[in-house]
Amino acid sequence: MGPVKETPREQILRLFRELNERIGSINSGLRKSGLRTVAKAEVRLLGQISLLVHEKVGAQLSLAQTGDMDALLRMESVIKKELKQLLGKNGYFYDEDSDLIWIPPGATFETLLDLDRLVVKSIDPESALVSKAVKAPQKNKQLIREAIAV
């Protein structure tokens, strides 16, 4: 029997825990050099990736595994570079157009991880689905139909 395969949610959360550790290593090096450490970083997941990491939604909808990560990032460039490397190593890439994603009024963000150097939040599933339905209805027709049925 082979190793147990990670779910997309487990993989993403592991990736962010690893990023938190890398931020710690970066800060340690900066402190040793007498330089200012980087501030706590924040990731706000959007789009398909936010649905994949949501426990209930991820289990109820047949979501296609996505390679891109839509997210709003509040972090210093050195941390963004580390994130992009980690994503690449895990078969993902950061979508640089994430800041263009329409977020419906009243959307909320649930905290997935609140680590010492990094906080990761995810848009609520309803807002992610509304955004997909409003901005790309044809592309997301099957997903929206399935979500309504559920």
Protein backbone atom coordinates (compact mmCIF):
# COMPACT_ATOMS: atom_id res chain seq x y z
CA MET A 1 0.00 0.00 0.00
CA GLY A 2 1.46 3.38 -1.08
CA PRO A 3 1.49 6.65 0.80
CA VAL A 4 -1.84 8.39 1.41
CA LYS A 5 -2.38 11.14 -1.13
CA GLU A 6 -2.97 14.63 0.24
CA THR A 7 -6.24 16.38 -0.53
CA PRO A 8 -5.90 19.74 -2.30
CA ARG A 9 -6.82 21.42 1.01
CA GLU A 10 -4.11 19.53 2.92
CA GLN A 11 -1.55 20.30 0.23
CA ILE A 12 -2.33 24.04 0.23
CA LEU A 13 -2.26 24.26 4.04
CA ARG A 14 1.05 22.35 4.14
CA LEU A 15 2.46 24.73 1.55
CA PHE A 16 1.53 27.75 3.67
CA ARG A 17 2.98 26.18 6.82
CA GLU A 18 6.21 25.69 4.89
CA LEU A 19 6.09 29.34 3.76
CA ASN A 20 5.71 30.36 7.41
CA GLU A 21 8.88 28.41 8.25
CA ARG A 22 10.75 30.01 5.34
CA ILE A 23 9.72 33.46 6.58
CA GLY A 24 11.20 32.50 9.95
CA SER A 25 14.49 31.54 8.28
CA ILE A 26 14.54 34.78 6.30
CA ASN A 27 13.90 36.81 9.45
CA SER A 28 16.62 34.94 11.30
CA GLY A 29 19.13 35.81 8.58
CA LEU A 30 18.01 39.44 8.56
CA ARG A 31 18.36 39.70 12.36
CA LYS A 32 21.89 38.26 12.20
CA SER A 33 22.76 40.90 9.60
CA GLY A 34 21.33 43.64 11.79
CA LEU A 35 18.54 44.34 9.32
CA ARG A 36 14.82 44.87 9.83
CA THR A 37 12.75 41.67 9.70
CA VAL A 38 9.80 41.26 7.35
CA ALA A 39 6.30 41.98 8.60
CA LYS A 40 3.68 39.28 9.08
CA ALA A 41 2.35 38.31 5.65
CA GLU A 42 -1.27 37.83 4.61
CA VAL A 43 -2.81 35.74 1.84
CA ARG A 44 -6.48 36.05 0.88
CA LEU A 45 -7.50 33.15 -1.35
CA LEU A 46 -10.02 33.78 -4.13
CA GLY A 47 -11.59 31.82 -6.98
CA GLN A 48 -11.35 28.08 -7.48
CA ILE A 49 -8.54 27.63 -4.94
CA SER A 50 -10.78 29.13 -2.23
CA LEU A 51 -13.42 26.53 -3.03
CA LEU A 52 -10.87 23.70 -3.00
CA VAL A 53 -9.66 24.59 0.50
CA HIS A 54 -13.16 24.94 1.95
CA GLU A 55 -13.88 21.65 3.75
CA LYS A 56 -17.61 21.36 3.04
CA VAL A 57 -17.62 22.84 -0.46
CA GLY A 58 -14.56 20.91 -1.56
CA ALA A 59 -16.31 17.68 -0.57
CA GLN A 60 -19.70 18.53 -2.14
CA LEU A 61 -18.73 19.97 -5.52
CA SER A 62 -16.78 18.20 -8.22
CA LEU A 63 -14.08 20.83 -8.51
CA ALA A 64 -11.43 20.54 -11.16
CA GLN A 65 -7.92 20.64 -9.76
CA THR A 66 -6.60 24.06 -10.68
CA GLY A 67 -3.00 25.01 -11.27
CA ASP A 68 -3.36 28.70 -10.60
CA MET A 69 -3.72 30.34 -7.25
CA ASP A 70 -5.86 33.46 -7.22
CA ALA A 71 -5.05 35.43 -4.10
CA LEU A 72 -4.63 38.91 -2.76
CA LEU A 73 -1.18 39.15 -1.17
CA ARG A 74 0.02 41.51 1.52
CA MET A 75 3.67 40.66 1.86
CA GLU A 76 7.10 41.92 1.08
CA SER A 77 8.59 41.00 -2.30
CA VAL A 78 11.11 38.55 -0.80
CA ILE A 79 8.20 36.57 0.70
CA LYS A 80 6.22 36.69 -2.55
CA LYS A 81 9.26 35.22 -4.30
CA GLU A 82 9.38 32.38 -1.74
CA LEU A 83 5.64 31.77 -2.19
CA LYS A 84 6.01 31.54 -5.97
CA GLN A 85 8.86 29.02 -5.58
CA LEU A 86 6.80 26.90 -3.20
CA LEU A 87 3.80 27.03 -5.50
CA GLY A 88 5.90 25.95 -8.48
CA LYS A 89 7.42 23.09 -6.50
CA ASN A 90 3.88 21.88 -5.74
CA GLY A 91 2.43 22.21 -9.25
CA TYR A 92 0.77 25.60 -8.83
CA PHE A 93 1.47 29.12 -10.01
CA TYR A 94 0.42 32.50 -8.66
CA ASP A 95 -1.99 34.40 -10.92
CA GLU A 96 -0.57 37.92 -11.14
CA ASP A 97 -4.00 39.21 -12.25
CA SER A 98 -5.61 38.22 -8.94
CA ASP A 99 -6.13 41.85 -7.97
CA LEU A 100 -8.50 42.17 -10.97
CA ILE A 101 -10.93 39.57 -9.58
CA TRP A 102 -14.30 41.05 -8.73
CA ILE A 103 -15.23 40.55 -5.08
CA PRO A 104 -18.97 40.89 -4.38
CA PRO A 105 -20.05 43.48 -1.80
CA GLY A 106 -20.46 41.86 1.61
CA ALA A 107 -17.93 39.10 0.94
CA THR A 108 -16.25 37.77 4.05
CA PHE A 109 -12.93 36.01 4.58
CA GLU A 110 -12.55 33.00 6.87
CA THR A 111 -9.19 32.48 8.57
CA LEU A 112 -7.70 29.12 7.56
CA LEU A 113 -4.34 29.54 9.27
CA ASP A 114 -3.09 32.17 11.69
CA LEU A 115 0.58 31.37 12.14
CA ASP A 116 3.25 33.49 13.80
CA ARG A 117 4.55 34.97 10.50
CA LEU A 118 1.63 34.36 8.11
CA VAL A 119 -2.16 34.52 8.09
CA VAL A 120 -4.13 32.75 5.35
CA LYS A 121 -7.78 33.60 4.72
CA SER A 122 -10.29 32.37 2.15
CA ILE A 123 -13.25 34.18 0.64
CA ASP A 124 -16.59 32.68 1.63
CA PRO A 125 -17.83 30.08 -0.88
CA GLU A 126 -21.00 31.97 -1.78
CA SER A 127 -19.02 35.08 -2.75
CA ALA A 128 -16.52 33.01 -4.75
CA LEU A 129 -19.38 31.38 -6.67
CA VAL A 130 -21.18 34.70 -7.23
CA SER A 131 -17.96 36.21 -8.56
CA LYS A 132 -17.54 33.30 -10.97
CA ALA A 133 -21.20 33.48 -12.07
CA VAL A 134 -21.12 37.24 -12.68
CA LYS A 135 -17.71 37.57 -14.33
CA ALA A 136 -17.39 34.30 -16.28
CA PRO A 137 -20.83 32.67 -16.51
CA GLN A 138 -20.14 30.52 -19.58
CA LYS A 139 -16.82 29.20 -18.29
CA ASN A 140 -18.36 28.34 -14.90
CA LYS A 141 -21.85 27.23 -16.00
CA GLN A 142 -21.48 23.61 -14.88
CA LEU A 143 -19.95 24.56 -11.51
CA ILE A 144 -22.72 27.10 -10.82
CA ARG A 145 -25.45 24.59 -11.74
CA GLU A 146 -23.92 22.01 -9.45
CA ALA A 147 -23.57 24.51 -6.59
CA ILE A 148 -27.24 25.55 -6.93
CA ALA A 149 -28.30 21.88 -6.83
CA VAL A 150 -26.27 21.31 -3.66
